[in-house]
Amino acid sequence: MLGGCSAQALPAPAPAPSDDPLAVVEERTALLSRDGPYRDPDQAERAQGRAAARLLLAGSDDITDLDGAFGRLGYDSSHSVDAATGRRYSMFSMSVTYGPAWGLVLADRSAPLRYVIEVPHPGFDTNTDKLGVALYRLVPGSVLLMAGAHRMAGNGAADVAHNDMSMFHVLATELARGGLSQVQLHGFADKNLPDAQAVVSTGAGRVSPLARDVASSLQEAGVIVCRAWAATCGRLEGTTNVQGKAADDIGAQFLHIELGWVIRGNPERLDAVAHAIARRLPPG
């Protein structure tokens, strides 16, 4: 932690295997358990979370205040270069084996922030964590926001896509309020929607050009897509998603993507999906 220290410029050390964001994400995901810890933040912690998100949005290379803001919430911080992209990043992460288990924030520092790639159900929606990192790496100026507990932990309170008291919701909504578009990743069992391999929707909001473009790009990549604004998609439309509802309230862009196991269980198809989505995320 660097809170309380003198101001320091953002370092750019040589990449090292221990600094691989994907390895950190996979390590944490592998430890998730429905019996694991989780609690919601209190009012003061939520306010601190909003303050931390605003500092991240400010994009300063002075990391002292940023580390202090996330550190007061219990996040460990690291700043390095992603060997896979050669781009600088800042990561703020928590243990998943003891509370409060509020997850991980990985921010690209090479470009102005534009998108939040959200993984609300790591370990439950299998391989959405991998897809989240892949998208983060394909889209400069993105933030990866990943929940820190299994969806069923905390008697279900850790289902952050349906809990507007979570730190995940605080950070996602504050970043959206700051102008970042949200792309939220989910998974479904193939038997729940046998006639489609993906569902694209805007949650509680109106259909957007981005949603139409991403659906078309997925279809061009050979994915059978259910467009929630044009068809019933097996109750996978995300209309009860609280991040989507908040985005609609503040006029922010929210994209909800569900992928069947036929996609998530195939590394080649998952990679093709990552590229198909990234192609339609326009630069700032």
C-alpha atoms as a PDB file:
ATOM      1  CA  MET A   1       0.000   0.000   0.000  1.00  0.00           C
ATOM      2  CA  LEU A   2       1.194   3.462  -0.815  1.00  0.00           C
ATOM      3  CA  GLY A   3      -1.353   5.557   1.064  1.00  0.00           C
ATOM      4  CA  GLY A   4       0.341   8.202   3.198  1.00  0.00           C
ATOM      5  CA  CYS A   5       3.588   8.070   1.196  1.00  0.00           C
ATOM      6  CA  SER A   6       4.949  10.889  -0.912  1.00  0.00           C
ATOM      7  CA  ALA A   7       3.629  11.177  -4.460  1.00  0.00           C
ATOM      8  CA  GLN A   8       5.114   8.739  -6.934  1.00  0.00           C
ATOM      9  CA  ALA A   9       4.782   8.540 -10.696  1.00  0.00           C
ATOM     10  CA  LEU A  10       3.209   5.403 -12.120  1.00  0.00           C
ATOM     11  CA  PRO A  11       6.062   2.924 -12.640  1.00  0.00           C
ATOM     12  CA  ALA A  12       6.606   0.910 -15.797  1.00  0.00           C
ATOM     13  CA  PRO A  13       8.717  -2.078 -14.741  1.00  0.00           C
ATOM     14  CA  ALA A  14       9.710  -4.858 -17.083  1.00  0.00           C
ATOM     15  CA  PRO A  15       6.991  -7.510 -17.391  1.00  0.00           C
ATOM     16  CA  ALA A  16       7.335 -10.537 -15.155  1.00  0.00           C
ATOM     17  CA  PRO A  17       5.391 -13.807 -15.032  1.00  0.00           C
ATOM     18  CA  SER A  18       4.185 -12.982 -11.519  1.00  0.00           C
ATOM     19  CA  ASP A  19       2.580  -9.823 -12.942  1.00  0.00           C
ATOM     20  CA  ASP A  20       0.308 -11.683 -15.369  1.00  0.00           C
ATOM     21  CA  PRO A  21      -3.257 -10.381 -14.749  1.00  0.00           C
ATOM     22  CA  LEU A  22      -4.798 -13.538 -16.211  1.00  0.00           C
ATOM     23  CA  ALA A  23      -2.873 -15.679 -13.711  1.00  0.00           C
ATOM     24  CA  VAL A  24      -4.138 -13.533 -10.836  1.00  0.00           C
ATOM     25  CA  VAL A  25      -7.729 -13.714 -12.089  1.00  0.00           C
ATOM     26  CA  GLU A  26      -7.625 -17.484 -12.603  1.00  0.00           C
ATOM     27  CA  GLU A  27      -5.991 -18.068  -9.225  1.00  0.00           C
ATOM     28  CA  ARG A  28      -8.768 -16.188  -7.452  1.00  0.00           C
ATOM     29  CA  THR A  29     -11.523 -17.779  -9.505  1.00  0.00           C
ATOM     30  CA  ALA A  30     -10.250 -21.278  -8.716  1.00  0.00           C
ATOM     31  CA  LEU A  31     -10.599 -20.583  -4.984  1.00  0.00           C
ATOM     32  CA  LEU A  32     -14.231 -19.444  -5.102  1.00  0.00           C
ATOM     33  CA  SER A  33     -16.747 -21.504  -3.160  1.00  0.00           C
ATOM     34  CA  ARG A  34     -20.448 -21.188  -2.439  1.00  0.00           C
ATOM     35  CA  ASP A  35     -19.431 -21.508   1.228  1.00  0.00           C
ATOM     36  CA  GLY A  36     -16.892 -18.706   0.920  1.00  0.00           C
ATOM     37  CA  PRO A  37     -17.074 -15.338   2.658  1.00  0.00           C
ATOM     38  CA  TYR A  38     -19.001 -12.286   1.520  1.00  0.00           C
ATOM     39  CA  ARG A  39     -20.569  -9.199   3.053  1.00  0.00           C
ATOM     40  CA  ASP A  40     -22.026  -6.008   1.663  1.00  0.00           C
ATOM     41  CA  PRO A  41     -20.216  -2.727   2.319  1.00  0.00           C
ATOM     42  CA  ASP A  42     -21.708  -0.333   4.835  1.00  0.00           C
ATOM     43  CA  GLN A  43     -22.710   3.220   3.974  1.00  0.00           C
ATOM     44  CA  ALA A  44     -19.270   4.677   4.674  1.00  0.00           C
ATOM     45  CA  GLU A  45     -17.566   1.961   2.615  1.00  0.00           C
ATOM     46  CA  ARG A  46     -19.902   2.571  -0.300  1.00  0.00           C
ATOM     47  CA  ALA A  47     -19.029   6.269  -0.189  1.00  0.00           C
ATOM     48  CA  GLN A  48     -15.336   5.350  -0.151  1.00  0.00           C
ATOM     49  CA  GLY A  49     -15.895   3.041  -3.120  1.00  0.00           C
ATOM     50  CA  ARG A  50     -17.444   5.869  -5.107  1.00  0.00           C
ATOM     51  CA  ALA A  51     -14.493   8.100  -4.222  1.00  0.00           C
ATOM     52  CA  ALA A  52     -12.041   5.421  -5.378  1.00  0.00           C
ATOM     53  CA  ALA A  53     -13.894   5.022  -8.676  1.00  0.00           C
ATOM     54  CA  ARG A  54     -13.800   8.775  -9.279  1.00  0.00           C
ATOM     55  CA  LEU A  55     -10.051   8.816  -8.723  1.00  0.00           C
ATOM     56  CA  LEU A  56      -9.666   5.973 -11.212  1.00  0.00           C
ATOM     57  CA  LEU A  57     -11.697   7.939 -13.735  1.00  0.00           C
ATOM     58  CA  ALA A  58      -9.454  10.966 -13.245  1.00  0.00           C
ATOM     59  CA  GLY A  59      -6.618   8.997 -14.864  1.00  0.00           C
ATOM     60  CA  SER A  60      -3.754  10.604 -12.973  1.00  0.00           C
ATOM     61  CA  ASP A  61      -0.330   8.977 -13.111  1.00  0.00           C
ATOM     62  CA  ASP A  62       0.113   9.923  -9.444  1.00  0.00           C
ATOM     63  CA  ILE A  63      -0.829   6.630  -7.792  1.00  0.00           C
ATOM     64  CA  THR A  64      -0.584   7.714  -4.145  1.00  0.00           C
ATOM     65  CA  ASP A  65      -4.170   8.871  -3.757  1.00  0.00           C
ATOM     66  CA  LEU A  66      -5.515   6.003  -5.848  1.00  0.00           C
ATOM     67  CA  ASP A  67      -3.718   3.368  -3.796  1.00  0.00           C
ATOM     68  CA  GLY A  68      -4.863   5.053  -0.607  1.00  0.00           C
ATOM     69  CA  ALA A  69      -8.500   5.174  -1.720  1.00  0.00           C
ATOM     70  CA  PHE A  70      -8.636   1.483  -2.616  1.00  0.00           C
ATOM     71  CA  GLY A  71      -6.363   0.561   0.297  1.00  0.00           C
ATOM     72  CA  ARG A  72      -8.804   2.016   2.828  1.00  0.00           C
ATOM     73  CA  LEU A  73     -11.336  -0.486   1.534  1.00  0.00           C
ATOM     74  CA  GLY A  74      -8.917  -3.387   1.965  1.00  0.00           C
ATOM     75  CA  TYR A  75      -7.700  -3.769  -1.619  1.00  0.00           C
ATOM     76  CA  ASP A  76      -4.076  -4.638  -2.343  1.00  0.00           C
ATOM     77  CA  SER A  77      -2.648  -2.652  -5.234  1.00  0.00           C
ATOM     78  CA  SER A  78      -0.095  -3.406  -7.932  1.00  0.00           C
ATOM     79  CA  HIS A  79       1.088  -1.470 -10.969  1.00  0.00           C
ATOM     80  CA  SER A  80       2.999  -3.109 -13.780  1.00  0.00           C
ATOM     81  CA  VAL A  81       3.046  -3.972 -17.482  1.00  0.00           C
ATOM     82  CA  ASP A  82       0.937  -6.761 -18.953  1.00  0.00           C
ATOM     83  CA  ALA A  83       3.344  -9.032 -20.834  1.00  0.00           C
ATOM     84  CA  ALA A  84       0.555 -10.043 -23.227  1.00  0.00           C
ATOM     85  CA  THR A  85      -0.109  -6.488 -24.429  1.00  0.00           C
ATOM     86  CA  GLY A  86       2.874  -4.375 -23.372  1.00  0.00           C
ATOM     87  CA  ARG A  87       0.400  -1.942 -21.764  1.00  0.00           C
ATOM     88  CA  ARG A  88       0.610  -0.536 -18.257  1.00  0.00           C
ATOM     89  CA  TYR A  89      -2.066  -1.496 -15.772  1.00  0.00           C
ATOM     90  CA  SER A  90      -3.171  -0.899 -12.212  1.00  0.00           C
ATOM     91  CA  MET A  91      -4.779  -3.743 -10.274  1.00  0.00           C
ATOM     92  CA  PHE A  92      -6.684  -3.563  -7.004  1.00  0.00           C
ATOM     93  CA  SER A  93      -7.585  -6.959  -5.588  1.00  0.00           C
ATOM     94  CA  MET A  94      -8.856  -8.713  -2.471  1.00  0.00           C
ATOM     95  CA  SER A  95      -8.538 -12.188  -1.077  1.00  0.00           C
ATOM     96  CA  VAL A  96     -11.424 -14.484  -1.949  1.00  0.00           C
ATOM     97  CA  THR A  97     -10.868 -16.722   1.091  1.00  0.00           C
ATOM     98  CA  TYR A  98     -11.681 -14.137   3.755  1.00  0.00           C
ATOM     99  CA  GLY A  99     -14.112 -11.232   3.836  1.00  0.00           C
ATOM    100  CA  PRO A 100     -15.333  -8.902   2.650  1.00  0.00           C
ATOM    101  CA  ALA A 101     -14.456 -10.493  -0.728  1.00  0.00           C
ATOM    102  CA  TRP A 102     -15.205  -7.523  -2.978  1.00  0.00           C
ATOM    103  CA  GLY A 103     -13.240  -8.733  -5.947  1.00  0.00           C
ATOM    104  CA  LEU A 104     -10.803  -7.232  -8.377  1.00  0.00           C
ATOM    105  CA  VAL A 105     -10.426  -4.067 -10.436  1.00  0.00           C
ATOM    106  CA  LEU A 106      -7.943  -4.126 -13.323  1.00  0.00           C
ATOM    107  CA  ALA A 107      -7.511  -0.830 -15.167  1.00  0.00           C
ATOM    108  CA  ASP A 108      -5.592  -0.229 -18.380  1.00  0.00           C
ATOM    109  CA  ARG A 109      -3.330   2.817 -17.988  1.00  0.00           C
ATOM    110  CA  SER A 110      -2.328   3.181 -21.636  1.00  0.00           C
ATOM    111  CA  ALA A 111      -5.392   5.100 -22.841  1.00  0.00           C
ATOM    112  CA  PRO A 112      -8.359   7.098 -21.508  1.00  0.00           C
ATOM    113  CA  LEU A 113     -10.889   4.786 -19.883  1.00  0.00           C
ATOM    114  CA  ARG A 114     -13.903   3.934 -22.061  1.00  0.00           C
ATOM    115  CA  TYR A 115     -15.378   0.579 -21.052  1.00  0.00           C
ATOM    116  CA  VAL A 116     -16.048  -1.522 -17.965  1.00  0.00           C
ATOM    117  CA  ILE A 117     -15.838  -5.259 -18.712  1.00  0.00           C
ATOM    118  CA  GLU A 118     -17.848  -6.872 -15.912  1.00  0.00           C
ATOM    119  CA  VAL A 119     -17.704 -10.444 -14.600  1.00  0.00           C
ATOM    120  CA  PRO A 120     -20.355 -10.696 -11.867  1.00  0.00           C
ATOM    121  CA  HIS A 121     -20.421 -14.498 -11.499  1.00  0.00           C
ATOM    122  CA  PRO A 122     -16.843 -15.865 -11.737  1.00  0.00           C
ATOM    123  CA  GLY A 123     -16.601 -19.551 -10.957  1.00  0.00           C
ATOM    124  CA  PHE A 124     -20.355 -19.959 -11.455  1.00  0.00           C
ATOM    125  CA  ASP A 125     -20.594 -18.766 -15.065  1.00  0.00           C
ATOM    126  CA  THR A 126     -17.581 -20.829 -16.055  1.00  0.00           C
ATOM    127  CA  ASN A 127     -14.861 -19.145 -18.113  1.00  0.00           C
ATOM    128  CA  THR A 128     -16.456 -15.699 -18.056  1.00  0.00           C
ATOM    129  CA  ASP A 129     -13.363 -14.685 -16.104  1.00  0.00           C
ATOM    130  CA  LYS A 130     -11.169 -15.768 -19.028  1.00  0.00           C
ATOM    131  CA  LEU A 131     -13.412 -13.949 -21.479  1.00  0.00           C
ATOM    132  CA  GLY A 132     -13.269 -10.850 -19.301  1.00  0.00           C
ATOM    133  CA  VAL A 133      -9.466 -10.774 -19.370  1.00  0.00           C
ATOM    134  CA  ALA A 134      -9.422 -11.459 -23.117  1.00  0.00           C
ATOM    135  CA  LEU A 135     -11.757  -8.520 -23.776  1.00  0.00           C
ATOM    136  CA  TYR A 136      -9.794  -6.287 -21.422  1.00  0.00           C
ATOM    137  CA  ARG A 137      -6.637  -7.085 -23.372  1.00  0.00           C
ATOM    138  CA  LEU A 138      -8.293  -6.489 -26.744  1.00  0.00           C
ATOM    139  CA  VAL A 139      -9.783  -3.121 -25.774  1.00  0.00           C
ATOM    140  CA  PRO A 140      -7.317  -0.432 -24.670  1.00  0.00           C
ATOM    141  CA  GLY A 141      -8.780   1.946 -22.132  1.00  0.00           C
ATOM    142  CA  SER A 142     -10.899  -0.682 -20.418  1.00  0.00           C
ATOM    143  CA  VAL A 143     -11.467  -1.675 -16.805  1.00  0.00           C
ATOM    144  CA  LEU A 144     -12.066  -5.288 -15.794  1.00  0.00           C
ATOM    145  CA  LEU A 145     -14.406  -5.450 -12.807  1.00  0.00           C
ATOM    146  CA  MET A 146     -14.744  -8.946 -11.340  1.00  0.00           C
ATOM    147  CA  ALA A 147     -16.769 -10.021  -8.326  1.00  0.00           C
ATOM    148  CA  GLY A 148     -14.852 -11.594  -5.447  1.00  0.00           C
ATOM    149  CA  ALA A 149     -17.224 -14.281  -4.247  1.00  0.00           C
ATOM    150  CA  HIS A 150     -19.175 -17.215  -5.635  1.00  0.00           C
ATOM    151  CA  ARG A 151     -22.681 -16.224  -6.663  1.00  0.00           C
ATOM    152  CA  MET A 152     -24.228 -18.350  -3.891  1.00  0.00           C
ATOM    153  CA  ALA A 153     -21.994 -17.059  -1.072  1.00  0.00           C
ATOM    154  CA  GLY A 154     -23.445 -14.941   1.713  1.00  0.00           C
ATOM    155  CA  ASN A 155     -26.807 -16.700   1.368  1.00  0.00           C
ATOM    156  CA  GLY A 156     -27.028 -15.367  -2.156  1.00  0.00           C
ATOM    157  CA  ALA A 157     -26.041 -11.781  -1.354  1.00  0.00           C
ATOM    158  CA  ALA A 158     -22.900 -12.286  -3.460  1.00  0.00           C
ATOM    159  CA  ASP A 159     -25.063 -12.420  -6.590  1.00  0.00           C
ATOM    160  CA  VAL A 160     -23.904  -8.906  -7.391  1.00  0.00           C
ATOM    161  CA  ALA A 161     -25.906  -8.662 -10.614  1.00  0.00           C
ATOM    162  CA  HIS A 162     -29.004  -8.629  -8.392  1.00  0.00           C
ATOM    163  CA  ASN A 163     -27.661  -6.827  -5.320  1.00  0.00           C
ATOM    164  CA  ASP A 164     -27.533  -3.051  -5.489  1.00  0.00           C
ATOM    165  CA  MET A 165     -25.832  -2.867  -2.078  1.00  0.00           C
ATOM    166  CA  SER A 166     -22.660  -4.631  -3.262  1.00  0.00           C
ATOM    167  CA  MET A 167     -19.285  -2.977  -3.805  1.00  0.00           C
ATOM    168  CA  PHE A 168     -19.402  -4.350  -7.360  1.00  0.00           C
ATOM    169  CA  HIS A 169     -22.563  -2.310  -7.957  1.00  0.00           C
ATOM    170  CA  VAL A 170     -21.060   0.789  -6.332  1.00  0.00           C
ATOM    171  CA  LEU A 171     -17.995   0.678  -8.580  1.00  0.00           C
ATOM    172  CA  ALA A 172     -19.846  -0.285 -11.759  1.00  0.00           C
ATOM    173  CA  THR A 173     -22.430   2.456 -11.341  1.00  0.00           C
ATOM    174  CA  GLU A 174     -19.930   5.171 -10.440  1.00  0.00           C
ATOM    175  CA  LEU A 175     -17.783   4.292 -13.439  1.00  0.00           C
ATOM    176  CA  ALA A 176     -20.880   4.332 -15.641  1.00  0.00           C
ATOM    177  CA  ARG A 177     -21.849   7.700 -14.218  1.00  0.00           C
ATOM    178  CA  GLY A 178     -18.372   8.871 -15.231  1.00  0.00           C
ATOM    179  CA  GLY A 179     -19.087   8.017 -18.862  1.00  0.00           C
ATOM    180  CA  LEU A 180     -17.854   4.427 -19.216  1.00  0.00           C
ATOM    181  CA  SER A 181     -19.987   1.918 -21.117  1.00  0.00           C
ATOM    182  CA  GLN A 182     -20.602  -1.416 -19.376  1.00  0.00           C
ATOM    183  CA  VAL A 183     -20.227  -4.815 -21.021  1.00  0.00           C
ATOM    184  CA  GLN A 184     -21.407  -7.505 -18.603  1.00  0.00           C
ATOM    185  CA  LEU A 185     -20.641 -11.191 -19.237  1.00  0.00           C
ATOM    186  CA  HIS A 186     -22.782 -14.149 -18.192  1.00  0.00           C
ATOM    187  CA  GLY A 187     -23.215 -17.816 -18.999  1.00  0.00           C
ATOM    188  CA  PHE A 188     -26.142 -20.208 -19.368  1.00  0.00           C
ATOM    189  CA  ALA A 189     -26.642 -23.946 -19.671  1.00  0.00           C
ATOM    190  CA  ASP A 190     -27.267 -24.977 -23.268  1.00  0.00           C
ATOM    191  CA  LYS A 191     -30.465 -26.804 -22.276  1.00  0.00           C
ATOM    192  CA  ASN A 192     -31.954 -23.524 -21.034  1.00  0.00           C
ATOM    193  CA  LEU A 193     -31.949 -22.069 -24.548  1.00  0.00           C
ATOM    194  CA  PRO A 194     -31.250 -24.913 -26.983  1.00  0.00           C
ATOM    195  CA  ASP A 195     -31.940 -22.868 -30.108  1.00  0.00           C
ATOM    196  CA  ALA A 196     -29.323 -20.183 -29.408  1.00  0.00           C
ATOM    197  CA  GLN A 197     -25.706 -19.956 -28.305  1.00  0.00           C
ATOM    198  CA  ALA A 198     -25.714 -16.342 -27.101  1.00  0.00           C
ATOM    199  CA  VAL A 199     -28.155 -13.737 -25.877  1.00  0.00           C
ATOM    200  CA  VAL A 200     -27.491 -10.033 -26.394  1.00  0.00           C
ATOM    201  CA  SER A 201     -29.591  -7.477 -24.541  1.00  0.00           C
ATOM    202  CA  THR A 202     -29.493  -4.074 -22.891  1.00  0.00           C
ATOM    203  CA  GLY A 203     -31.067  -5.198 -19.634  1.00  0.00           C
ATOM    204  CA  ALA A 204     -33.751  -2.768 -18.510  1.00  0.00           C
ATOM    205  CA  GLY A 205     -32.761  -0.191 -21.129  1.00  0.00           C
ATOM    206  CA  ARG A 206     -33.763   0.429 -24.704  1.00  0.00           C
ATOM    207  CA  VAL A 207     -31.931  -1.332 -27.501  1.00  0.00           C
ATOM    208  CA  SER A 208     -28.787   0.525 -28.539  1.00  0.00           C
ATOM    209  CA  PRO A 209     -26.730   0.629 -31.743  1.00  0.00           C
ATOM    210  CA  LEU A 210     -23.906  -1.031 -29.789  1.00  0.00           C
ATOM    211  CA  ALA A 211     -26.136  -3.984 -28.882  1.00  0.00           C
ATOM    212  CA  ARG A 212     -27.238  -4.405 -32.494  1.00  0.00           C
ATOM    213  CA  ASP A 213     -23.639  -4.173 -33.711  1.00  0.00           C
ATOM    214  CA  VAL A 214     -22.321  -6.725 -31.200  1.00  0.00           C
ATOM    215  CA  ALA A 215     -25.145  -9.149 -32.001  1.00  0.00           C
ATOM    216  CA  SER A 216     -24.338  -8.847 -35.705  1.00  0.00           C
ATOM    217  CA  SER A 217     -20.631  -9.328 -35.083  1.00  0.00           C
ATOM    218  CA  LEU A 218     -21.278 -12.483 -33.048  1.00  0.00           C
ATOM    219  CA  GLN A 219     -23.506 -13.822 -35.799  1.00  0.00           C
ATOM    220  CA  GLU A 220     -20.795 -13.088 -38.370  1.00  0.00           C
ATOM    221  CA  ALA A 221     -18.447 -15.158 -36.175  1.00  0.00           C
ATOM    222  CA  GLY A 222     -20.761 -18.156 -36.493  1.00  0.00           C
ATOM    223  CA  VAL A 223     -22.646 -17.743 -33.203  1.00  0.00           C
ATOM    224  CA  ILE A 224     -26.410 -18.311 -33.096  1.00  0.00           C
ATOM    225  CA  VAL A 225     -27.680 -15.164 -31.372  1.00  0.00           C
ATOM    226  CA  CYS A 226     -30.956 -14.422 -29.636  1.00  0.00           C
ATOM    227  CA  ARG A 227     -31.605 -10.670 -29.758  1.00  0.00           C
ATOM    228  CA  ALA A 228     -33.617  -9.795 -26.654  1.00  0.00           C
ATOM    229  CA  TRP A 229     -35.279  -6.776 -28.303  1.00  0.00           C
ATOM    230  CA  ALA A 230     -36.643  -8.974 -31.092  1.00  0.00           C
ATOM    231  CA  ALA A 231     -37.414 -12.306 -29.415  1.00  0.00           C
ATOM    232  CA  THR A 232     -38.020 -14.070 -26.115  1.00  0.00           C
ATOM    233  CA  CYS A 233     -34.679 -15.485 -24.977  1.00  0.00           C
ATOM    234  CA  GLY A 234     -35.443 -17.967 -22.233  1.00  0.00           C
ATOM    235  CA  ARG A 235     -35.576 -15.400 -19.403  1.00  0.00           C
ATOM    236  CA  LEU A 236     -31.929 -14.546 -20.100  1.00  0.00           C
ATOM    237  CA  GLU A 237     -32.622 -10.947 -21.135  1.00  0.00           C
ATOM    238  CA  GLY A 238     -31.143  -9.400 -17.976  1.00  0.00           C
ATOM    239  CA  THR A 239     -34.140  -7.168 -17.296  1.00  0.00           C
ATOM    240  CA  THR A 240     -33.770  -7.578 -13.511  1.00  0.00           C
ATOM    241  CA  ASN A 241     -30.027  -6.844 -13.545  1.00  0.00           C
ATOM    242  CA  VAL A 242     -29.402  -3.999 -11.092  1.00  0.00           C
ATOM    243  CA  GLN A 243     -26.404  -2.567 -12.963  1.00  0.00           C
ATOM    244  CA  GLY A 244     -28.596  -2.411 -16.066  1.00  0.00           C
ATOM    245  CA  LYS A 245     -31.380  -0.684 -14.163  1.00  0.00           C
ATOM    246  CA  ALA A 246     -28.965   1.871 -12.728  1.00  0.00           C
ATOM    247  CA  ALA A 247     -27.472   2.485 -16.167  1.00  0.00           C
ATOM    248  CA  ASP A 248     -30.927   3.118 -17.587  1.00  0.00           C
ATOM    249  CA  ASP A 249     -31.677   5.574 -14.764  1.00  0.00           C
ATOM    250  CA  ILE A 250     -28.540   7.640 -15.425  1.00  0.00           C
ATOM    251  CA  GLY A 251     -28.585   7.342 -19.210  1.00  0.00           C
ATOM    252  CA  ALA A 252     -25.454   5.189 -19.423  1.00  0.00           C
ATOM    253  CA  GLN A 253     -24.802   2.424 -21.941  1.00  0.00           C
ATOM    254  CA  PHE A 254     -25.182  -1.166 -20.684  1.00  0.00           C
ATOM    255  CA  LEU A 255     -24.652  -4.329 -22.706  1.00  0.00           C
ATOM    256  CA  HIS A 256     -25.637  -7.735 -21.289  1.00  0.00           C
ATOM    257  CA  ILE A 257     -24.169 -10.809 -22.991  1.00  0.00           C
ATOM    258  CA  GLU A 258     -25.081 -14.411 -22.129  1.00  0.00           C
ATOM    259  CA  LEU A 259     -23.086 -17.275 -23.629  1.00  0.00           C
ATOM    260  CA  GLY A 260     -23.963 -20.947 -23.703  1.00  0.00           C
ATOM    261  CA  TRP A 261     -21.566 -23.662 -22.622  1.00  0.00           C
ATOM    262  CA  VAL A 262     -21.102 -24.652 -26.266  1.00  0.00           C
ATOM    263  CA  ILE A 263     -19.178 -21.360 -26.546  1.00  0.00           C
ATOM    264  CA  ARG A 264     -17.643 -21.052 -23.089  1.00  0.00           C
ATOM    265  CA  GLY A 265     -16.412 -24.636 -23.048  1.00  0.00           C
ATOM    266  CA  ASN A 266     -14.497 -24.288 -26.315  1.00  0.00           C
ATOM    267  CA  PRO A 267     -11.344 -22.127 -26.061  1.00  0.00           C
ATOM    268  CA  GLU A 268     -11.234 -21.426 -29.791  1.00  0.00           C
ATOM    269  CA  ARG A 269     -14.869 -20.326 -29.921  1.00  0.00           C
ATOM    270  CA  LEU A 270     -14.462 -18.257 -26.767  1.00  0.00           C
ATOM    271  CA  ASP A 271     -11.507 -16.460 -28.328  1.00  0.00           C
ATOM    272  CA  ALA A 272     -13.510 -15.843 -31.507  1.00  0.00           C
ATOM    273  CA  VAL A 273     -16.324 -14.369 -29.413  1.00  0.00           C
ATOM    274  CA  ALA A 274     -13.887 -12.070 -27.596  1.00  0.00           C
ATOM    275  CA  HIS A 275     -12.621 -10.733 -30.924  1.00  0.00           C
ATOM    276  CA  ALA A 276     -16.159 -10.393 -32.297  1.00  0.00           C
ATOM    277  CA  ILE A 277     -17.253  -8.290 -29.322  1.00  0.00           C
ATOM    278  CA  ALA A 278     -14.082  -6.203 -29.265  1.00  0.00           C
ATOM    279  CA  ARG A 279     -14.418  -5.343 -32.957  1.00  0.00           C
ATOM    280  CA  ARG A 280     -17.637  -3.468 -32.189  1.00  0.00           C
ATOM    281  CA  LEU A 281     -16.417  -1.526 -29.169  1.00  0.00           C
ATOM    282  CA  PRO A 282     -15.557   1.801 -30.823  1.00  0.00           C
ATOM    283  CA  PRO A 283     -12.555   3.831 -29.714  1.00  0.00           C
ATOM    284  CA  GLY A 284     -13.111   6.986 -27.697  1.00  0.00           C
END
